[in-house]
Amino acid sequence: DKQKHYFNKTRIAPTPSGFLHLGNALSFAITAAIAEKAHAKILLRIDDLDRERVRKEYVQDIFDTLNFLEIPWHEGPRNFREYENEYSQIHRLDLYNDALEELRKSGQLFACTCSRTQIRDTSPDEIYPGTCRDKAMPLETKGVSWRLRTESAEEIEINTLDQGIIKTRLPMAMQDFVVRKKDGYPSYQLASVIDDVHFGVDLVVRGQDLFDSTLAQSYLASTLQAEAFRKATFHHHSLLKAPSGGKLSKSAGDTSIRYLREQGKKPSDVYTELGAMLGQKEHVKNWQQLGVVVSI
């Protein structure tokens, strides 16, 4: 029975690139509900390596939203000061750079000058066409990203909470994925793996849209021999849809939790709205009840 699994720790990992919206609230609530059933602690990890988009008000919004929604967390910053002084990913750059150095020594990296626009022009589906794979540019070249060679990728096994072990291959969208960005900072894929190992996370709850990322991260973990990550269990929940039919997005200006708070909405109003978006007709008071709605 999936409800009898026990785990050590899961995490909530928002990105401070905009005000959090209903989709984020759903993910937080599902994570909290699964953690409670699995007797797991919750880590708050703020993914802030996209340095150009990080703003103080977006970081503060994470604390305001979690507190408003009464979502618990047991480890990580409680306020902006603690985040800035102790928990920002900037404080773990040495860990990320050690992993990048390990990959560099393995000979599995190549330098790439391609921008997203160039890739889009060459490949309408935005799949990297391997433009720089055989150019043999030095990794020290200024303004290049570092990509991991994946052409020999074998079948990947993912432990999932609801479907057991899934075996599949790295999707085309993740071939030769970036591990270090042009600005010199590690990519999301690399930092996420290193952070989950560093903090002892053994249960990862994320949206279905990040399933490809899970596969890329599992591949990266095997390359780095990060067994703890490969042994972790994953749950990919379904996403809320915007009225347009697309997924909710912070950048698209969808209704934010901050806006709903300012309109005088209570936490139960937000949970009821989430429940309604999931097809639930009855009043939903809190994240525990929402967890029941999504049948965790």
Protein backbone atom coordinates (compact mmCIF):
# COMPACT_ATOMS: atom_id res chain seq x y z
CA ASP A 1 0.00 0.00 0.00
CA LYS A 2 1.58 3.30 -1.11
CA GLN A 3 0.25 5.03 2.00
CA LYS A 4 2.41 2.83 4.25
CA HIS A 5 5.70 4.05 2.81
CA TYR A 6 7.89 5.94 5.27
CA PHE A 7 10.46 8.52 4.29
CA ASN A 8 13.04 10.68 6.00
CA LYS A 9 12.63 14.00 4.23
CA THR A 10 10.93 15.72 1.33
CA ARG A 11 11.21 19.32 0.18
CA ILE A 12 9.35 22.36 -1.03
CA ALA A 13 11.56 24.12 -3.57
CA PRO A 14 10.06 27.32 -4.99
CA THR A 15 11.94 29.70 -7.28
CA PRO A 16 11.85 33.42 -6.33
CA SER A 17 11.24 34.65 -9.88
CA GLY A 18 7.69 35.94 -9.36
CA PHE A 19 4.79 35.89 -6.90
CA LEU A 20 3.58 32.37 -6.15
CA HIS A 21 0.27 31.28 -7.70
CA LEU A 22 -2.41 28.64 -7.19
CA GLY A 23 -0.35 25.98 -8.94
CA ASN A 24 2.44 26.48 -6.40
CA ALA A 25 -0.10 26.30 -3.58
CA LEU A 26 -1.37 22.97 -4.91
CA SER A 27 2.15 21.54 -5.08
CA PHE A 28 2.92 22.72 -1.53
CA ALA A 29 -0.32 21.22 -0.22
CA ILE A 30 0.25 17.86 -1.93
CA THR A 31 3.83 17.77 -0.62
CA ALA A 32 2.64 18.50 2.94
CA ALA A 33 -0.11 15.87 2.73
CA ILE A 34 2.24 13.16 1.43
CA ALA A 35 4.89 14.10 4.01
CA GLU A 36 2.37 13.78 6.84
CA LYS A 37 1.29 10.31 5.70
CA ALA A 38 4.89 9.23 5.18
CA HIS A 39 6.10 10.66 8.53
CA ALA A 40 8.64 12.73 6.57
CA LYS A 41 10.15 16.07 7.53
CA ILE A 42 9.79 18.97 5.06
CA LEU A 43 12.76 21.06 3.96
CA LEU A 44 12.20 24.52 2.51
CA ARG A 45 14.76 25.00 -0.27
CA ILE A 46 14.71 28.22 -2.26
CA ASP A 47 16.09 27.72 -5.78
CA ASP A 48 17.73 31.08 -6.41
CA LEU A 49 20.50 30.44 -8.94
CA ASP A 50 18.70 32.37 -11.67
CA ARG A 51 20.32 35.45 -10.18
CA GLU A 52 18.94 37.98 -12.67
CA ARG A 53 15.33 37.21 -11.70
CA VAL A 54 15.69 36.96 -7.90
CA ARG A 55 14.07 39.83 -6.02
CA LYS A 56 13.69 40.33 -2.29
CA GLU A 57 9.90 40.67 -2.53
CA TYR A 58 9.67 37.32 -4.34
CA VAL A 59 11.68 35.61 -1.59
CA GLN A 60 9.53 37.23 1.09
CA ASP A 61 6.42 36.10 -0.81
CA ILE A 62 7.52 32.47 -0.31
CA PHE A 63 7.42 32.85 3.49
CA ASP A 64 4.20 34.88 3.37
CA THR A 65 2.48 32.30 1.16
CA LEU A 66 3.53 29.25 3.20
CA ASN A 67 2.53 30.92 6.45
CA PHE A 68 -0.80 32.11 5.03
CA LEU A 69 -1.62 28.62 3.72
CA GLU A 70 -0.46 27.11 7.05
CA ILE A 71 1.94 24.77 5.22
CA PRO A 72 4.46 23.39 7.74
CA TRP A 73 8.20 23.01 7.20
CA HIS A 74 10.78 21.65 9.61
CA GLU A 75 14.12 22.67 8.10
CA GLY A 76 15.31 25.67 6.13
CA PRO A 77 14.96 29.45 6.53
CA ARG A 78 12.04 30.98 8.46
CA ASN A 79 12.60 34.52 7.13
CA PHE A 80 14.55 36.55 4.59
CA ARG A 81 17.54 37.09 6.89
CA GLU A 82 18.02 33.37 7.51
CA TYR A 83 17.61 32.68 3.80
CA GLU A 84 20.20 35.28 2.84
CA ASN A 85 22.72 34.43 5.57
CA GLU A 86 22.48 30.63 5.63
CA TYR A 87 20.26 28.95 3.07
CA SER A 88 20.67 30.68 -0.30
CA GLN A 89 22.12 28.32 -2.90
CA ILE A 90 25.00 30.81 -3.16
CA HIS A 91 26.29 29.27 0.10
CA ARG A 92 26.54 25.86 -1.62
CA LEU A 93 28.46 26.94 -4.72
CA ASP A 94 31.52 24.93 -3.60
CA LEU A 95 29.43 21.74 -3.60
CA TYR A 96 28.12 22.45 -7.10
CA ASN A 97 31.56 23.38 -8.41
CA ASP A 98 33.06 20.16 -6.98
CA ALA A 99 30.46 18.19 -8.96
CA LEU A 100 31.20 20.21 -12.10
CA GLU A 101 34.90 19.54 -11.66
CA GLU A 102 34.19 15.82 -11.33
CA LEU A 103 32.20 15.91 -14.59
CA ARG A 104 34.96 17.92 -16.29
CA LYS A 105 37.58 15.34 -15.30
CA SER A 106 35.38 12.54 -16.60
CA GLY A 107 35.61 14.00 -20.11
CA GLN A 108 31.83 13.93 -20.56
CA LEU A 109 31.32 17.68 -20.91
CA PHE A 110 31.49 19.91 -23.97
CA ALA A 111 31.37 23.68 -24.37
CA CYS A 112 28.43 25.24 -26.21
CA THR A 113 27.91 28.79 -27.49
CA CYS A 114 24.29 28.29 -28.63
CA SER A 115 21.61 30.60 -27.25
CA ARG A 116 18.00 29.52 -26.74
CA THR A 117 17.03 31.68 -29.70
CA GLN A 118 19.58 29.97 -31.96
CA ILE A 119 18.35 26.53 -30.85
CA ARG A 120 14.74 27.59 -31.47
CA ASP A 121 15.64 28.84 -34.97
CA THR A 122 17.32 25.53 -35.81
CA SER A 123 14.90 23.28 -33.97
CA PRO A 124 11.27 24.54 -33.63
CA ASP A 125 10.59 22.07 -30.79
CA GLU A 126 13.59 23.55 -28.95
CA ILE A 127 15.40 20.20 -28.84
CA TYR A 128 19.16 20.80 -28.82
CA PRO A 129 20.47 19.64 -32.23
CA GLY A 130 24.02 18.90 -31.05
CA THR A 131 25.50 21.93 -32.80
CA CYS A 132 28.61 22.25 -30.59
CA ARG A 133 29.03 18.59 -29.57
CA ASP A 134 32.00 17.93 -31.86
CA LYS A 135 33.56 21.39 -32.01
CA ALA A 136 36.01 20.56 -29.19
CA MET A 137 35.98 24.10 -27.80
CA PRO A 138 37.91 24.45 -24.54
CA LEU A 139 35.58 24.48 -21.51
CA GLU A 140 37.45 27.59 -20.36
CA THR A 141 36.14 29.54 -23.39
CA LYS A 142 34.43 32.71 -22.22
CA GLY A 143 30.63 32.85 -22.39
CA VAL A 144 29.96 29.15 -23.04
CA SER A 145 27.60 26.79 -21.28
CA TRP A 146 28.73 23.29 -20.32
CA ARG A 147 26.64 20.40 -21.62
CA LEU A 148 26.73 16.76 -20.54
CA ARG A 149 27.11 14.22 -23.34
CA THR A 150 24.15 11.85 -23.23
CA GLU A 151 24.36 9.97 -26.53
CA SER A 152 25.20 6.71 -24.75
CA ALA A 153 22.40 7.09 -22.19
CA GLU A 154 21.02 3.74 -21.08
CA GLU A 155 17.58 3.00 -19.68
CA ILE A 156 16.80 5.00 -16.54
CA GLU A 157 14.94 3.59 -13.55
CA ILE A 158 12.79 5.91 -11.40
CA ASN A 159 11.19 4.82 -8.12
CA THR A 160 7.71 6.34 -8.01
CA LEU A 161 5.24 6.55 -5.15
CA ASP A 162 2.21 5.49 -7.15
CA GLN A 163 3.50 3.35 -10.02
CA GLY A 164 6.50 1.54 -8.56
CA ILE A 165 9.63 1.45 -10.71
CA ILE A 166 9.37 3.15 -14.10
CA LYS A 167 11.97 2.27 -16.74
CA THR A 168 12.46 4.67 -19.63
CA ARG A 169 15.07 6.49 -21.67
CA LEU A 170 16.22 10.09 -21.55
CA PRO A 171 13.75 12.11 -23.67
CA MET A 172 14.92 14.09 -26.69
CA ALA A 173 14.23 17.32 -24.82
CA MET A 174 16.96 16.40 -22.33
CA GLN A 175 19.68 15.20 -24.70
CA ASP A 176 23.04 16.89 -23.93
CA PHE A 177 21.43 19.00 -21.19
CA VAL A 178 23.20 21.99 -19.62
CA VAL A 179 24.99 21.50 -16.28
CA ARG A 180 26.67 24.93 -16.11
CA LYS A 181 25.08 28.06 -17.54
CA LYS A 182 26.83 30.77 -19.54
CA ASP A 183 26.93 33.00 -16.45
CA GLY A 184 29.08 30.39 -14.68
CA TYR A 185 26.38 29.28 -12.28
CA PRO A 186 25.34 25.61 -12.12
CA SER A 187 22.14 24.68 -13.91
CA TYR A 188 18.91 23.77 -12.13
CA GLN A 189 19.44 20.09 -12.98
CA LEU A 190 22.84 19.92 -11.32
CA ALA A 191 22.03 22.06 -8.27
CA SER A 192 18.84 20.10 -7.60
CA VAL A 193 20.67 16.76 -7.51
CA ILE A 194 23.47 18.07 -5.28
CA ASP A 195 21.02 19.79 -2.91
CA ASP A 196 18.79 16.72 -2.52
CA VAL A 197 21.84 14.58 -1.68
CA HIS A 198 23.28 17.25 0.63
CA PHE A 199 20.07 17.63 2.65
CA GLY A 200 19.22 13.90 2.73
CA VAL A 201 16.01 14.16 0.69
CA ASP A 202 14.59 10.73 -0.16
CA LEU A 203 11.13 11.77 -1.40
CA VAL A 204 10.71 14.30 -4.22
CA VAL A 205 7.22 15.65 -4.96
CA ARG A 206 6.92 17.79 -8.08
CA GLY A 207 4.59 18.61 -10.95
CA GLN A 208 4.13 16.31 -13.94
CA ASP A 209 5.81 18.99 -16.07
CA LEU A 210 9.11 18.17 -14.34
CA PHE A 211 9.11 14.46 -15.19
CA ASP A 212 11.73 15.03 -17.92
CA SER A 213 13.84 16.89 -15.36
CA THR A 214 13.61 13.90 -13.03
CA LEU A 215 14.98 11.68 -15.81
CA ALA A 216 17.82 14.12 -16.57
CA GLN A 217 18.67 14.41 -12.87
CA SER A 218 18.65 10.64 -12.43
CA TYR A 219 21.01 10.30 -15.40
CA LEU A 220 23.25 12.98 -13.91
CA ALA A 221 23.16 11.27 -10.50
CA SER A 222 24.37 8.01 -12.05
CA THR A 223 27.17 9.90 -13.82
CA LEU A 224 28.20 11.44 -10.47
CA GLN A 225 27.65 8.13 -8.65
CA ALA A 226 25.17 9.92 -6.38
CA GLU A 227 23.39 6.75 -5.30
CA ALA A 228 21.29 8.48 -2.64
CA PHE A 229 19.50 10.47 -5.34
CA ARG A 230 18.96 7.45 -7.57
CA LYS A 231 17.40 5.57 -4.65
CA ALA A 232 14.98 8.41 -3.85
CA THR A 233 11.26 8.06 -4.53
CA PHE A 234 9.40 10.49 -6.81
CA HIS A 235 5.80 11.60 -7.10
CA HIS A 236 4.72 13.71 -10.10
CA HIS A 237 1.34 15.29 -9.49
CA SER A 238 -1.03 16.61 -12.15
CA LEU A 239 -1.05 20.36 -12.83
CA LEU A 240 -3.75 22.97 -12.52
CA LYS A 241 -4.73 24.40 -15.87
CA ALA A 242 -5.15 28.06 -16.69
CA PRO A 243 -8.43 29.06 -18.42
CA SER A 244 -6.47 28.95 -21.70
CA GLY A 245 -5.79 25.26 -21.11
CA GLY A 246 -2.08 25.82 -20.52
CA LYS A 247 -0.29 25.35 -17.22
CA LEU A 248 -0.31 28.16 -14.66
CA SER A 249 2.73 30.40 -14.77
CA LYS A 250 4.20 33.06 -12.50
CA SER A 251 5.53 34.98 -15.49
CA ALA A 252 2.14 34.99 -17.21
CA GLY A 253 0.63 36.90 -14.31
CA ASP A 254 -1.86 34.27 -13.17
CA THR A 255 -3.76 34.98 -9.98
CA SER A 256 -1.19 35.06 -7.19
CA ILE A 257 -1.72 34.00 -3.59
CA ARG A 258 -0.51 37.48 -2.65
CA TYR A 259 -3.35 39.06 -4.66
CA LEU A 260 -5.93 36.71 -3.07
CA ARG A 261 -4.62 37.61 0.41
CA GLU A 262 -4.91 41.30 -0.38
CA GLN A 263 -8.52 40.71 -1.51
CA GLY A 264 -9.30 39.39 1.98
CA LYS A 265 -9.43 35.71 1.04
CA LYS A 266 -8.87 33.18 3.81
CA PRO A 267 -6.75 30.01 3.46
CA SER A 268 -9.95 27.95 3.26
CA ASP A 269 -11.10 30.10 0.30
CA VAL A 270 -7.89 29.28 -1.56
CA TYR A 271 -8.14 25.56 -0.77
CA THR A 272 -11.78 25.51 -1.85
CA GLU A 273 -10.83 27.18 -5.13
CA LEU A 274 -8.07 24.63 -5.66
CA GLY A 275 -10.52 21.84 -4.91
CA ALA A 276 -13.01 23.26 -7.41
CA MET A 277 -10.30 23.44 -10.08
CA LEU A 278 -9.69 19.74 -9.40
CA GLY A 279 -13.39 18.96 -9.79
CA GLN A 280 -14.27 18.85 -6.08
CA LYS A 281 -17.74 20.23 -5.30
CA GLU A 282 -17.48 20.30 -1.49
CA HIS A 283 -15.79 22.91 0.67
CA VAL A 284 -12.07 22.24 1.27
CA LYS A 285 -10.77 23.87 4.44
CA ASN A 286 -7.06 23.03 4.52
CA TRP A 287 -4.14 21.21 2.91
CA GLN A 288 -5.00 17.97 4.73
CA GLN A 289 -8.40 17.87 3.05
CA LEU A 290 -6.92 18.80 -0.29
CA GLY A 291 -4.60 15.82 0.05
CA VAL A 292 -7.68 13.61 0.37
CA VAL A 293 -9.19 15.23 -2.75
CA VAL A 294 -6.18 14.29 -4.87
CA SER A 295 -6.31 10.74 -3.45
CA ILE A 296 -2.80 10.56 -2.09
